[in-house]
Protein backbone atom coordinates (compact mmCIF):
# COMPACT_ATOMS: atom_id res chain seq x y z
CA GLU A 1 -7.88 3.84 -4.56
CA GLU A 2 -11.36 5.31 -4.05
CA ALA A 3 -11.18 4.21 -0.40
CA GLY A 4 -7.99 6.22 0.10
CA ILE A 5 -5.55 3.31 0.13
CA PRO A 6 -2.14 4.73 -0.86
CA GLY A 7 -0.86 1.64 -2.68
CA LEU A 8 -1.50 -1.98 -3.63
CA TRP A 9 0.33 -5.22 -2.89
CA ALA A 10 -0.12 -7.60 -5.84
CA SER A 11 0.73 -10.88 -4.14
CA SER A 12 1.71 -13.98 -6.02
CA LEU A 13 -0.72 -15.91 -3.83
CA THR A 14 -3.75 -13.82 -4.82
CA LEU A 15 -2.77 -13.65 -8.49
CA SER A 16 -2.27 -17.44 -8.55
CA CYS A 17 -5.60 -18.03 -6.79
CA ALA A 18 -7.36 -15.82 -9.33
CA TRP A 19 -6.22 -18.29 -11.99
CA GLY A 20 -6.98 -21.36 -9.86
CA LEU A 21 -3.28 -22.23 -9.49
CA ARG A 22 -1.00 -22.96 -6.57
CA ASP A 23 1.45 -20.31 -5.34
CA ASN A 24 4.43 -22.31 -6.63
CA SER A 25 5.70 -20.32 -9.64
CA GLU A 26 3.00 -21.84 -11.85
CA LEU A 27 1.95 -18.52 -13.41
CA THR A 28 4.30 -17.41 -16.17
CA MET A 29 5.93 -14.01 -16.22
CA SER A 30 3.81 -13.06 -19.26
CA GLU A 31 0.56 -14.05 -17.53
CA VAL A 32 1.44 -11.98 -14.48
CA LEU A 33 2.51 -9.00 -16.56
CA ASP A 34 -0.83 -9.08 -18.40
CA MET A 35 -2.69 -9.04 -15.06
CA LEU A 36 -0.55 -6.18 -13.75
CA GLU A 37 -1.10 -4.18 -16.92
CA SER A 38 -4.83 -4.59 -16.43
CA ILE A 39 -4.51 -3.30 -12.85
CA THR A 40 -2.29 -0.31 -13.71
CA ALA A 41 -4.79 0.69 -16.41
CA LYS A 42 -7.43 1.09 -13.72
CA VAL A 43 -5.58 2.71 -10.80
CA SER A 44 -3.06 5.48 -10.38
CA ILE A 45 -1.72 4.44 -6.97
CA PRO A 46 1.58 2.54 -6.84
CA ILE A 47 1.60 -1.24 -7.03
CA LEU A 48 4.25 -3.36 -5.37
CA PHE A 49 4.36 -6.70 -7.15
CA ASP A 50 5.31 -9.88 -5.31
CA GLY A 51 7.71 -11.25 -7.93
CA ASP A 52 8.54 -14.45 -6.03
CA THR A 53 12.14 -15.33 -6.98
CA GLY A 54 12.25 -13.12 -10.06
CA TYR A 55 11.35 -15.93 -12.49
CA GLY A 56 14.77 -17.57 -12.60
CA GLN A 57 18.28 -16.21 -12.88
CA PHE A 58 19.46 -12.60 -13.05
CA SER A 59 18.68 -12.18 -16.77
CA HIS A 60 15.06 -13.23 -16.17
CA PHE A 61 14.83 -10.74 -13.35
CA GLN A 62 16.23 -8.00 -15.58
CA GLN A 63 13.54 -8.76 -18.15
CA LEU A 64 10.89 -8.62 -15.40
CA VAL A 65 12.12 -5.24 -14.11
CA ARG A 66 12.20 -3.73 -17.60
CA ARG A 67 8.68 -4.92 -18.34
CA LEU A 68 7.32 -3.80 -14.93
CA CYS A 69 8.73 -0.32 -15.53
CA LEU A 70 7.05 -0.22 -18.96
CA ARG A 71 3.73 -1.07 -17.29
CA GLN A 72 4.22 1.63 -14.63
CA VAL A 73 4.29 -0.83 -11.74
CA GLY A 74 5.84 0.88 -8.70
CA GLY A 75 8.17 -1.91 -7.67
CA VAL A 76 8.86 -5.56 -7.15
CA CYS A 77 9.57 -7.66 -4.09
CA ILE A 78 11.72 -10.74 -4.66
CA GLU A 79 12.52 -13.48 -2.19
CA ASP A 80 15.87 -15.12 -1.64
CA LYS A 81 14.76 -18.66 -2.42
CA VAL A 82 15.67 -20.79 -5.42
CA PHE A 83 13.43 -20.95 -8.48
CA PRO A 84 10.87 -22.40 -8.75
CA LYS A 85 9.75 -21.28 -5.35
CA THR A 86 7.42 -23.06 -2.97
CA ASN A 87 4.86 -21.16 -0.92
CA SER A 88 6.55 -20.22 2.35
CA PHE A 89 3.93 -21.85 4.51
CA LEU A 90 3.95 -25.21 2.73
CA ARG A 91 6.54 -27.91 3.30
CA SER A 92 8.82 -25.45 5.09
CA GLU A 93 11.45 -28.14 5.51
CA ALA A 94 11.81 -28.21 1.70
CA GLN A 95 12.53 -24.47 1.40
CA GLU A 96 15.93 -23.72 -0.11
CA LEU A 97 17.60 -20.31 0.05
CA ALA A 98 19.61 -18.96 -2.85
CA PRO A 99 23.29 -18.29 -2.13
CA VAL A 100 23.70 -14.74 -0.81
CA GLU A 101 26.08 -13.59 -3.53
CA GLU A 102 23.80 -14.96 -6.26
CA PHE A 103 20.81 -13.11 -4.81
CA CYS A 104 22.85 -9.90 -4.45
CA GLY A 105 23.79 -10.23 -8.13
CA LYS A 106 20.12 -10.49 -9.01
CA ILE A 107 19.37 -7.30 -7.06
CA ARG A 108 22.23 -5.43 -8.77
CA ALA A 109 21.09 -6.72 -12.18
CA GLY A 110 17.57 -5.43 -11.57
CA LYS A 111 18.77 -2.03 -10.41
CA ASP A 112 21.01 -1.77 -13.50
CA VAL A 113 18.05 -1.98 -15.90
CA GLN A 114 15.26 -0.10 -14.15
CA THR A 115 14.10 2.79 -16.31
CA ASP A 116 11.91 4.51 -13.72
CA PRO A 117 14.00 6.21 -11.01
CA ASP A 118 11.11 5.77 -8.54
CA PHE A 119 10.84 2.00 -9.14
CA VAL A 120 11.77 0.04 -6.02
CA ILE A 121 13.27 -3.38 -5.53
CA VAL A 122 12.41 -4.92 -2.18
CA ALA A 123 14.54 -7.88 -1.09
CA ARG A 124 12.63 -10.37 1.00
CA THR A 125 14.60 -12.77 3.12
CA GLU A 126 13.10 -16.13 3.92
CA ALA A 127 15.88 -16.96 6.41
CA LEU A 128 13.46 -17.38 9.33
CA ILE A 129 11.08 -19.47 7.22
CA CYS A 130 14.00 -21.80 6.43
CA GLY A 131 14.94 -22.23 10.08
CA LEU A 132 17.89 -19.84 10.28
CA ASP A 133 18.22 -17.50 13.23
CA VAL A 134 17.78 -13.72 13.37
CA THR A 135 21.54 -13.12 13.13
CA ALA A 136 21.66 -14.99 9.81
CA ALA A 137 18.60 -13.05 8.61
CA LEU A 138 20.26 -9.76 9.52
CA ASP A 139 23.47 -10.75 7.73
CA ARG A 140 21.51 -11.51 4.59
CA ALA A 141 19.48 -8.29 4.87
CA GLU A 142 22.63 -6.16 5.22
CA ARG A 143 24.16 -7.76 2.13
CA TYR A 144 20.95 -7.14 0.16
CA ALA A 145 20.90 -3.47 1.17
CA GLU A 146 24.56 -3.14 0.14
CA ALA A 147 23.67 -4.68 -3.24
CA GLY A 148 21.14 -1.91 -3.84
CA ALA A 149 17.81 -3.14 -2.47
CA ASP A 150 15.58 -0.16 -1.73
CA ALA A 151 14.00 -2.00 1.21
CA VAL A 152 14.23 -5.32 2.99
CA LEU A 153 11.27 -7.43 4.05
CA ILE A 154 11.56 -10.21 6.61
CA HIS A 155 9.15 -13.13 6.55
CA SER A 156 8.34 -15.47 9.42
CA LYS A 157 5.94 -18.27 10.17
CA ASP A 158 6.38 -17.86 13.91
CA ARG A 159 3.11 -17.28 15.73
CA THR A 160 4.62 -14.46 17.79
CA PHE A 161 6.09 -11.08 16.92
CA ALA A 162 9.34 -11.86 18.79
CA PRO A 163 11.62 -12.83 15.86
CA ILE A 164 10.43 -9.89 13.75
CA GLN A 165 10.87 -7.52 16.67
CA GLU A 166 14.40 -8.82 17.24
CA PHE A 167 15.14 -8.39 13.53
CA MET A 168 13.84 -4.80 13.65
């Protein structure tokens, strides 16, 4: 904040590493919320929290959104994989995407309970990570936007910008 950075990304990878854990949904929701509360007590810039898969089904995600709003976190990014998630760059062949309608329901559920009108829900599609093509990623992204996502994030492990550029 003192350096003029307009916002923070609280990644699940860095939060997990801070506790000496793998980035595989090993931190509990309560542990993460405690860390985020500590951060929001020290900065006034918005924080976008990497909420992995939302800690389970739609009711878990609703609980997360409510508690993030109480802690004045600016938003959450959730990925369209099944819980518990595996880090996107490990064992990519084992990555499993959640069904589109299930993930859209999770987005709608989160939007239904947010108490801060400025809170954002970012839907991250892992379609490219899981070996699907850009068309499939775009289909998923469009459905997530229709479900109420405030933004869509695409993730890729490709070593070139080409698939992201095509997606854009």
